[in-house]
C-alpha atoms as a PDB file:
ATOM      1  CA  MET A   1      29.032  52.580 -21.688  1.00  0.00           C
ATOM      2  CA  ALA A   2      31.842  54.506 -20.143  1.00  0.00           C
ATOM      3  CA  SER A   3      31.685  57.166 -22.824  1.00  0.00           C
ATOM      4  CA  LYS A   4      28.312  58.275 -21.531  1.00  0.00           C
ATOM      5  CA  TYR A   5      29.850  59.355 -18.251  1.00  0.00           C
ATOM      6  CA  ASP A   6      32.625  61.765 -19.177  1.00  0.00           C
ATOM      7  CA  ASP A   7      34.066  64.267 -16.675  1.00  0.00           C
ATOM      8  CA  ASP A   8      32.431  67.195 -18.479  1.00  0.00           C
ATOM      9  CA  ILE A   9      28.935  65.806 -17.943  1.00  0.00           C
ATOM     10  CA  VAL A  10      26.683  67.680 -15.566  1.00  0.00           C
ATOM     11  CA  SER A  11      24.828  64.984 -13.647  1.00  0.00           C
ATOM     12  CA  SER A  12      22.284  65.426 -10.892  1.00  0.00           C
ATOM     13  CA  ASN A  13      23.358  62.144  -9.266  1.00  0.00           C
ATOM     14  CA  ARG A  14      27.131  62.053  -9.627  1.00  0.00           C
ATOM     15  CA  SER A  15      27.547  64.179  -6.516  1.00  0.00           C
ATOM     16  CA  ARG A  16      25.228  61.799  -4.632  1.00  0.00           C
ATOM     17  CA  PHE A  17      27.343  58.825  -5.734  1.00  0.00           C
ATOM     18  CA  ILE A  18      30.521  60.586  -4.611  1.00  0.00           C
ATOM     19  CA  GLU A  19      28.966  61.527  -1.267  1.00  0.00           C
ATOM     20  CA  LYS A  20      27.995  57.877  -0.744  1.00  0.00           C
ATOM     21  CA  ILE A  21      31.575  56.760  -1.423  1.00  0.00           C
ATOM     22  CA  GLU A  22      33.113  59.457   0.761  1.00  0.00           C
ATOM     23  CA  GLN A  23      30.773  59.145   3.734  1.00  0.00           C
ATOM     24  CA  HIS A  24      33.160  56.670   5.398  1.00  0.00           C
ATOM     25  CA  GLU A  25      36.177  58.900   4.630  1.00  0.00           C
ATOM     26  CA  PRO A  26      38.222  56.378   2.605  1.00  0.00           C
ATOM     27  CA  GLU A  27      41.907  57.177   2.284  1.00  0.00           C
ATOM     28  CA  THR A  28      42.622  54.739  -0.533  1.00  0.00           C
ATOM     29  CA  ILE A  29      40.179  54.007  -3.359  1.00  0.00           C
ATOM     30  CA  LEU A  30      40.204  51.505  -6.221  1.00  0.00           C
ATOM     31  CA  ASP A  31      38.304  52.667  -9.325  1.00  0.00           C
ATOM     32  CA  ILE A  32      37.566  49.754 -11.674  1.00  0.00           C
ATOM     33  CA  GLY A  33      36.893  50.744 -15.279  1.00  0.00           C
ATOM     34  CA  ALA A  34      37.801  54.317 -14.415  1.00  0.00           C
ATOM     35  CA  GLY A  35      37.245  55.667 -17.928  1.00  0.00           C
ATOM     36  CA  THR A  36      38.190  59.336 -18.219  1.00  0.00           C
ATOM     37  CA  GLY A  37      38.093  59.872 -14.466  1.00  0.00           C
ATOM     38  CA  VAL A  38      34.487  60.773 -13.753  1.00  0.00           C
ATOM     39  CA  PHE A  39      34.963  59.371 -10.232  1.00  0.00           C
ATOM     40  CA  ALA A  40      38.759  59.124  -9.921  1.00  0.00           C
ATOM     41  CA  ILE A  41      39.369  62.870 -10.330  1.00  0.00           C
ATOM     42  CA  PRO A  42      36.897  64.184  -7.712  1.00  0.00           C
ATOM     43  CA  LEU A  43      37.655  61.333  -5.291  1.00  0.00           C
ATOM     44  CA  ALA A  44      41.393  62.012  -5.501  1.00  0.00           C
ATOM     45  CA  GLN A  45      40.801  65.544  -4.222  1.00  0.00           C
ATOM     46  CA  ASN A  46      39.973  64.185  -0.768  1.00  0.00           C
ATOM     47  CA  ALA A  47      41.705  60.789  -0.701  1.00  0.00           C
ATOM     48  CA  LYS A  48      45.297  59.853  -0.001  1.00  0.00           C
ATOM     49  CA  ARG A  49      45.434  57.669  -3.121  1.00  0.00           C
ATOM     50  CA  VAL A  50      43.210  56.540  -5.996  1.00  0.00           C
ATOM     51  CA  VAL A  51      44.197  53.581  -8.167  1.00  0.00           C
ATOM     52  CA  ALA A  52      42.492  53.541 -11.560  1.00  0.00           C
ATOM     53  CA  VAL A  53      42.148  50.295 -13.501  1.00  0.00           C
ATOM     54  CA  GLU A  54      41.317  51.140 -17.125  1.00  0.00           C
ATOM     55  CA  PRO A  55      41.905  48.968 -20.222  1.00  0.00           C
ATOM     56  CA  SER A  56      41.571  51.780 -22.802  1.00  0.00           C
ATOM     57  CA  PRO A  57      44.821  53.718 -23.381  1.00  0.00           C
ATOM     58  CA  GLY A  58      42.829  56.599 -24.887  1.00  0.00           C
ATOM     59  CA  MET A  59      40.567  57.020 -21.887  1.00  0.00           C
ATOM     60  CA  LEU A  60      43.486  56.614 -19.503  1.00  0.00           C
ATOM     61  CA  ASP A  61      45.380  59.381 -21.314  1.00  0.00           C
ATOM     62  CA  ILE A  62      42.412  61.722 -20.830  1.00  0.00           C
ATOM     63  CA  LEU A  63      42.188  60.798 -17.133  1.00  0.00           C
ATOM     64  CA  LEU A  64      45.886  61.480 -16.555  1.00  0.00           C
ATOM     65  CA  LYS A  65      45.751  64.777 -18.456  1.00  0.00           C
ATOM     66  CA  LYS A  66      42.817  65.917 -16.322  1.00  0.00           C
ATOM     67  CA  ALA A  67      44.648  64.850 -13.181  1.00  0.00           C
ATOM     68  CA  GLU A  68      47.666  66.903 -14.275  1.00  0.00           C
ATOM     69  CA  ASP A  69      45.473  69.924 -15.041  1.00  0.00           C
ATOM     70  CA  ALA A  70      43.887  69.599 -11.577  1.00  0.00           C
ATOM     71  CA  GLY A  71      47.290  69.374  -9.908  1.00  0.00           C
ATOM     72  CA  LEU A  72      46.643  65.851  -8.628  1.00  0.00           C
ATOM     73  CA  SER A  73      49.648  63.569  -8.113  1.00  0.00           C
ATOM     74  CA  ASN A  74      47.935  60.879  -6.032  1.00  0.00           C
ATOM     75  CA  ILE A  75      46.366  58.863  -8.869  1.00  0.00           C
ATOM     76  CA  LYS A  76      48.095  55.633  -9.859  1.00  0.00           C
ATOM     77  CA  TRP A  77      46.913  53.456 -12.716  1.00  0.00           C
ATOM     78  CA  ILE A  78      46.903  49.970 -14.213  1.00  0.00           C
ATOM     79  CA  ASN A  79      46.276  49.801 -17.974  1.00  0.00           C
ATOM     80  CA  LYS A  80      44.559  46.393 -18.036  1.00  0.00           C
ATOM     81  CA  ARG A  81      41.166  44.769 -18.050  1.00  0.00           C
ATOM     82  CA  TRP A  82      39.931  44.004 -14.537  1.00  0.00           C
ATOM     83  CA  GLU A  83      40.080  40.254 -15.215  1.00  0.00           C
ATOM     84  CA  GLU A  84      43.771  40.554 -16.131  1.00  0.00           C
ATOM     85  CA  THR A  85      44.807  42.209 -12.868  1.00  0.00           C
ATOM     86  CA  SER A  86      46.128  40.092 -10.008  1.00  0.00           C
ATOM     87  CA  ILE A  87      45.442  40.568  -6.307  1.00  0.00           C
ATOM     88  CA  ASP A  88      49.186  40.937  -5.636  1.00  0.00           C
ATOM     89  CA  GLU A  89      49.450  43.645  -8.297  1.00  0.00           C
ATOM     90  CA  LEU A  90      46.485  45.549  -6.897  1.00  0.00           C
ATOM     91  CA  LEU A  91      47.799  45.394  -3.341  1.00  0.00           C
ATOM     92  CA  ASP A  92      51.372  46.265  -4.305  1.00  0.00           C
ATOM     93  CA  ILE A  93      50.471  49.459  -6.170  1.00  0.00           C
ATOM     94  CA  ASN A  94      48.392  50.621  -3.195  1.00  0.00           C
ATOM     95  CA  GLU A  95      50.782  49.337  -0.535  1.00  0.00           C
ATOM     96  CA  GLY A  96      47.935  47.416   1.102  1.00  0.00           C
ATOM     97  CA  MET A  97      44.177  46.923   0.983  1.00  0.00           C
ATOM     98  CA  TYR A  98      41.711  49.578  -0.163  1.00  0.00           C
ATOM     99  CA  ASP A  99      39.265  51.495   2.006  1.00  0.00           C
ATOM    100  CA  ALA A 100      36.761  51.659  -0.873  1.00  0.00           C
ATOM    101  CA  VAL A 101      36.201  50.036  -4.263  1.00  0.00           C
ATOM    102  CA  VAL A 102      34.181  51.721  -7.025  1.00  0.00           C
ATOM    103  CA  CYS A 103      32.976  50.252 -10.313  1.00  0.00           C
ATOM    104  CA  SER A 104      30.755  52.556 -12.357  1.00  0.00           C
ATOM    105  CA  HIS A 105      29.139  51.327 -15.580  1.00  0.00           C
ATOM    106  CA  ALA A 106      31.983  48.911 -16.327  1.00  0.00           C
ATOM    107  CA  LEU A 107      30.451  45.597 -15.246  1.00  0.00           C
ATOM    108  CA  TYR A 108      28.815  45.159 -18.656  1.00  0.00           C
ATOM    109  CA  TYR A 109      32.214  44.183 -20.082  1.00  0.00           C
ATOM    110  CA  ILE A 110      33.452  41.924 -17.271  1.00  0.00           C
ATOM    111  CA  THR A 111      33.059  38.250 -18.151  1.00  0.00           C
ATOM    112  CA  ASP A 112      33.642  36.311 -14.922  1.00  0.00           C
ATOM    113  CA  LEU A 113      31.414  38.090 -12.417  1.00  0.00           C
ATOM    114  CA  HIS A 114      31.831  35.569  -9.600  1.00  0.00           C
ATOM    115  CA  GLN A 115      35.622  35.795  -9.639  1.00  0.00           C
ATOM    116  CA  SER A 116      35.549  39.551 -10.240  1.00  0.00           C
ATOM    117  CA  PHE A 117      33.394  40.186  -7.174  1.00  0.00           C
ATOM    118  CA  ARG A 118      35.548  37.895  -5.049  1.00  0.00           C
ATOM    119  CA  LYS A 119      38.646  39.824  -6.132  1.00  0.00           C
ATOM    120  CA  MET A 120      36.972  43.133  -5.189  1.00  0.00           C
ATOM    121  CA  ASN A 121      36.299  41.667  -1.763  1.00  0.00           C
ATOM    122  CA  ASP A 122      39.816  40.292  -1.400  1.00  0.00           C
ATOM    123  CA  VAL A 123      41.474  43.687  -1.946  1.00  0.00           C
ATOM    124  CA  SER A 124      39.024  45.749   0.114  1.00  0.00           C
ATOM    125  CA  LYS A 125      38.821  46.373   3.845  1.00  0.00           C
ATOM    126  CA  GLY A 126      35.865  48.728   3.556  1.00  0.00           C
ATOM    127  CA  HIS A 127      32.927  49.436   1.262  1.00  0.00           C
ATOM    128  CA  ILE A 128      32.287  48.428  -2.348  1.00  0.00           C
ATOM    129  CA  HIS A 129      30.032  50.491  -4.626  1.00  0.00           C
ATOM    130  CA  LEU A 130      28.717  49.314  -8.002  1.00  0.00           C
ATOM    131  CA  PHE A 131      26.763  51.619 -10.325  1.00  0.00           C
ATOM    132  CA  VAL A 132      24.849  50.056 -13.231  1.00  0.00           C
ATOM    133  CA  LEU A 133      21.990  50.762 -15.586  1.00  0.00           C
ATOM    134  CA  THR A 134      18.808  48.913 -14.738  1.00  0.00           C
ATOM    135  CA  ASP A 135      17.784  48.069 -18.319  1.00  0.00           C
ATOM    136  CA  HIS A 136      19.987  48.132 -21.437  1.00  0.00           C
ATOM    137  CA  ALA A 137      17.170  46.877 -23.636  1.00  0.00           C
ATOM    138  CA  SER A 138      15.188  50.097 -23.169  1.00  0.00           C
ATOM    139  CA  ASP A 139      17.510  51.953 -25.586  1.00  0.00           C
ATOM    140  CA  ALA A 140      16.599  50.290 -28.890  1.00  0.00           C
ATOM    141  CA  ALA A 141      18.576  52.838 -30.923  1.00  0.00           C
ATOM    142  CA  TYR A 142      21.761  52.078 -28.957  1.00  0.00           C
ATOM    143  CA  THR A 143      21.261  48.329 -29.469  1.00  0.00           C
ATOM    144  CA  LYS A 144      20.801  48.871 -33.219  1.00  0.00           C
ATOM    145  CA  LEU A 145      23.947  51.010 -33.355  1.00  0.00           C
ATOM    146  CA  TRP A 146      26.038  48.437 -31.480  1.00  0.00           C
ATOM    147  CA  GLU A 147      24.923  45.660 -33.823  1.00  0.00           C
ATOM    148  CA  ARG A 148      25.646  47.784 -36.903  1.00  0.00           C
ATOM    149  CA  LEU A 149      29.146  48.614 -35.681  1.00  0.00           C
ATOM    150  CA  ASN A 150      30.090  45.075 -34.669  1.00  0.00           C
ATOM    151  CA  ASN A 151      28.069  43.106 -37.229  1.00  0.00           C
ATOM    152  CA  THR A 152      26.816  40.768 -34.522  1.00  0.00           C
ATOM    153  CA  PRO A 153      23.907  40.704 -32.061  1.00  0.00           C
ATOM    154  CA  MET A 154      24.476  42.761 -28.944  1.00  0.00           C
ATOM    155  CA  PRO A 155      25.338  40.440 -26.041  1.00  0.00           C
ATOM    156  CA  PRO A 156      22.952  40.310 -23.080  1.00  0.00           C
ATOM    157  CA  TYR A 157      24.414  42.502 -20.349  1.00  0.00           C
ATOM    158  CA  PRO A 158      23.696  41.740 -16.688  1.00  0.00           C
ATOM    159  CA  ASP A 159      21.219  44.085 -15.035  1.00  0.00           C
ATOM    160  CA  HIS A 160      21.077  44.999 -11.337  1.00  0.00           C
ATOM    161  CA  SER A 161      18.911  42.020 -10.401  1.00  0.00           C
ATOM    162  CA  CYS A 162      21.344  39.593 -12.055  1.00  0.00           C
ATOM    163  CA  LEU A 163      24.299  41.190 -10.284  1.00  0.00           C
ATOM    164  CA  TYR A 164      22.451  41.030  -6.971  1.00  0.00           C
ATOM    165  CA  MET A 165      21.826  37.304  -7.376  1.00  0.00           C
ATOM    166  CA  VAL A 166      25.474  36.648  -8.317  1.00  0.00           C
ATOM    167  CA  LEU A 167      26.569  38.456  -5.159  1.00  0.00           C
ATOM    168  CA  ARG A 168      24.153  36.411  -3.057  1.00  0.00           C
ATOM    169  CA  GLU A 169      25.517  33.212  -4.616  1.00  0.00           C
ATOM    170  CA  ILE A 170      28.990  34.005  -3.278  1.00  0.00           C
ATOM    171  CA  GLY A 171      27.770  35.006   0.157  1.00  0.00           C
ATOM    172  CA  MET A 172      27.433  38.796  -0.152  1.00  0.00           C
ATOM    173  CA  HIS A 173      24.376  40.644   1.131  1.00  0.00           C
ATOM    174  CA  PRO A 174      24.329  43.973  -0.735  1.00  0.00           C
ATOM    175  CA  ASP A 175      21.934  46.885  -0.486  1.00  0.00           C
ATOM    176  CA  ILE A 176      20.393  48.407  -3.623  1.00  0.00           C
ATOM    177  CA  GLU A 177      19.364  52.011  -4.133  1.00  0.00           C
ATOM    178  CA  MET A 178      17.496  53.065  -7.300  1.00  0.00           C
ATOM    179  CA  LEU A 179      18.179  56.507  -8.776  1.00  0.00           C
ATOM    180  CA  ASP A 180      16.790  58.453 -11.727  1.00  0.00           C
ATOM    181  CA  THR A 181      19.829  59.842 -13.531  1.00  0.00           C
ATOM    182  CA  TYR A 182      19.975  62.893 -15.730  1.00  0.00           C
ATOM    183  CA  ALA A 183      23.133  63.996 -17.509  1.00  0.00           C
ATOM    184  CA  LYS A 184      23.953  66.846 -19.858  1.00  0.00           C
ATOM    185  CA  LYS A 185      27.148  67.432 -21.815  1.00  0.00           C
ATOM    186  CA  CYS A 186      28.005  70.472 -23.921  1.00  0.00           C
ATOM    187  CA  VAL A 187      29.023  69.476 -27.463  1.00  0.00           C
ATOM    188  CA  THR A 188      31.821  71.558 -28.959  1.00  0.00           C
ATOM    189  CA  ASP A 189      33.417  68.985 -31.273  1.00  0.00           C
ATOM    190  CA  MET A 190      31.424  66.130 -32.807  1.00  0.00           C
ATOM    191  CA  ASP A 191      34.571  64.257 -33.926  1.00  0.00           C
ATOM    192  CA  GLU A 192      35.866  64.303 -30.351  1.00  0.00           C
ATOM    193  CA  LEU A 193      32.537  63.004 -29.071  1.00  0.00           C
ATOM    194  CA  VAL A 194      32.590  60.173 -31.635  1.00  0.00           C
ATOM    195  CA  ASP A 195      36.107  59.214 -30.523  1.00  0.00           C
ATOM    196  CA  GLN A 196      34.991  59.114 -26.887  1.00  0.00           C
ATOM    197  CA  TRP A 197      32.268  56.613 -27.793  1.00  0.00           C
ATOM    198  CA  LYS A 198      34.602  54.315 -29.720  1.00  0.00           C
ATOM    199  CA  ASP A 199      35.973  52.233 -26.850  1.00  0.00           C
ATOM    200  CA  SER A 200      32.570  51.317 -25.460  1.00  0.00           C
ATOM    201  CA  LEU A 201      31.036  50.484 -28.838  1.00  0.00           C
ATOM    202  CA  VAL A 202      33.634  48.854 -31.080  1.00  0.00           C
ATOM    203  CA  GLN A 203      35.154  45.619 -29.883  1.00  0.00           C
ATOM    204  CA  GLU A 204      38.493  45.989 -31.664  1.00  0.00           C
ATOM    205  CA  GLY A 205      40.364  48.035 -34.239  1.00  0.00           C
ATOM    206  CA  ASP A 206      40.022  51.625 -35.399  1.00  0.00           C
ATOM    207  CA  LEU A 207      36.796  53.168 -36.615  1.00  0.00           C
ATOM    208  CA  SER A 208      36.004  52.956 -40.316  1.00  0.00           C
ATOM    209  CA  ASP A 209      34.305  55.885 -42.074  1.00  0.00           C
ATOM    210  CA  ASP A 210      31.025  53.951 -42.039  1.00  0.00           C
ATOM    211  CA  GLN A 211      31.321  53.283 -38.306  1.00  0.00           C
ATOM    212  CA  ARG A 212      32.021  56.960 -37.599  1.00  0.00           C
ATOM    213  CA  ASP A 213      28.972  57.893 -39.670  1.00  0.00           C
ATOM    214  CA  ALA A 214      26.836  55.411 -37.713  1.00  0.00           C
ATOM    215  CA  ILE A 215      27.885  56.910 -34.371  1.00  0.00           C
ATOM    216  CA  ARG A 216      27.294  60.419 -35.711  1.00  0.00           C
ATOM    217  CA  GLU A 217      23.777  59.463 -36.810  1.00  0.00           C
ATOM    218  CA  TYR A 218      22.969  58.021 -33.383  1.00  0.00           C
ATOM    219  CA  LEU A 219      24.338  61.018 -31.518  1.00  0.00           C
ATOM    220  CA  ALA A 220      22.557  63.441 -33.845  1.00  0.00           C
ATOM    221  CA  GLY A 221      19.284  62.004 -32.616  1.00  0.00           C
ATOM    222  CA  THR A 222      20.175  62.830 -29.024  1.00  0.00           C
ATOM    223  CA  ILE A 223      21.820  66.247 -29.454  1.00  0.00           C
ATOM    224  CA  LYS A 224      19.699  69.300 -28.680  1.00  0.00           C
ATOM    225  CA  GLU A 225      20.206  73.047 -28.803  1.00  0.00           C
ATOM    226  CA  ASP A 226      19.412  75.838 -26.387  1.00  0.00           C
ATOM    227  CA  GLY A 227      20.523  79.434 -25.907  1.00  0.00           C
ATOM    228  CA  THR A 228      24.041  78.355 -24.930  1.00  0.00           C
ATOM    229  CA  GLY A 229      24.686  76.013 -27.868  1.00  0.00           C
ATOM    230  CA  LEU A 230      24.544  72.279 -28.566  1.00  0.00           C
ATOM    231  CA  PHE A 231      24.357  69.681 -25.829  1.00  0.00           C
ATOM    232  CA  TRP A 232      23.956  65.924 -25.489  1.00  0.00           C
ATOM    233  CA  GLU A 233      21.364  64.687 -23.036  1.00  0.00           C
ATOM    234  CA  TRP A 234      20.981  61.355 -21.300  1.00  0.00           C
ATOM    235  CA  GLN A 235      18.322  60.035 -18.931  1.00  0.00           C
ATOM    236  CA  SER A 236      18.233  56.622 -17.299  1.00  0.00           C
ATOM    237  CA  LYS A 237      17.470  54.746 -14.131  1.00  0.00           C
ATOM    238  CA  ASP A 238      20.594  53.594 -12.312  1.00  0.00           C
ATOM    239  CA  ALA A 239      21.095  51.124  -9.503  1.00  0.00           C
ATOM    240  CA  CYS A 240      23.673  51.633  -6.763  1.00  0.00           C
ATOM    241  CA  ILE A 241      24.645  48.243  -5.316  1.00  0.00           C
ATOM    242  CA  HIS A 242      26.839  48.454  -2.238  1.00  0.00           C
ATOM    243  CA  TRP A 243      28.063  46.383   0.686  1.00  0.00           C
ATOM    244  CA  LYS A 244      30.790  46.312   3.339  1.00  0.00           C
ATOM    245  CA  THR A 245      33.413  43.603   3.243  1.00  0.00           C
END
């Protein structure tokens, strides 16, 4: 659900996540499923280099535009799915191993978890941080929307307990921290918001008019209004899974 974590979101826990990543002062950081740069942009302000792996050209374009606007020239990128990247490619673009690896709300779309975690370990010489929702099933409206858009049942996504057990199976011993997350995003353009949701909801192709209407209907149920205008609100419980290689 990368679209739920755009750079413009005000989140009470994003700063805590960033502080956790930066506490060991990493110089080089790998951001897997970087989206529009919710972590890559702020992390690049203090790091020597951030490498963003992002399969969506649209999201990557937004990330690079925001990096340009922020005057950041230390973000490199790979426009591929994580499973399609090779260890040699990841090490070459960084000129060596990474001090930190970050994967925020992107593990839902990674198919081979065992191999994916091993690859994270193989390219890291420091800490790895995974951020995931604890329960996808709790958002029945989102599940209904996904199934309407894709005309198929929503696949079962791994939760934090599943990911923990996979890590234990391959010899990792991670720590888990549970956090209540609140996020708020000002809404100035509904069409733009719909487009931002496309990549995490529709498996392939462009949005049809019916699909755009379906996303609009879902978002309309979550958009509120206060004295400053319209805003989109999100609350969830997140798990931070982390370990040192």
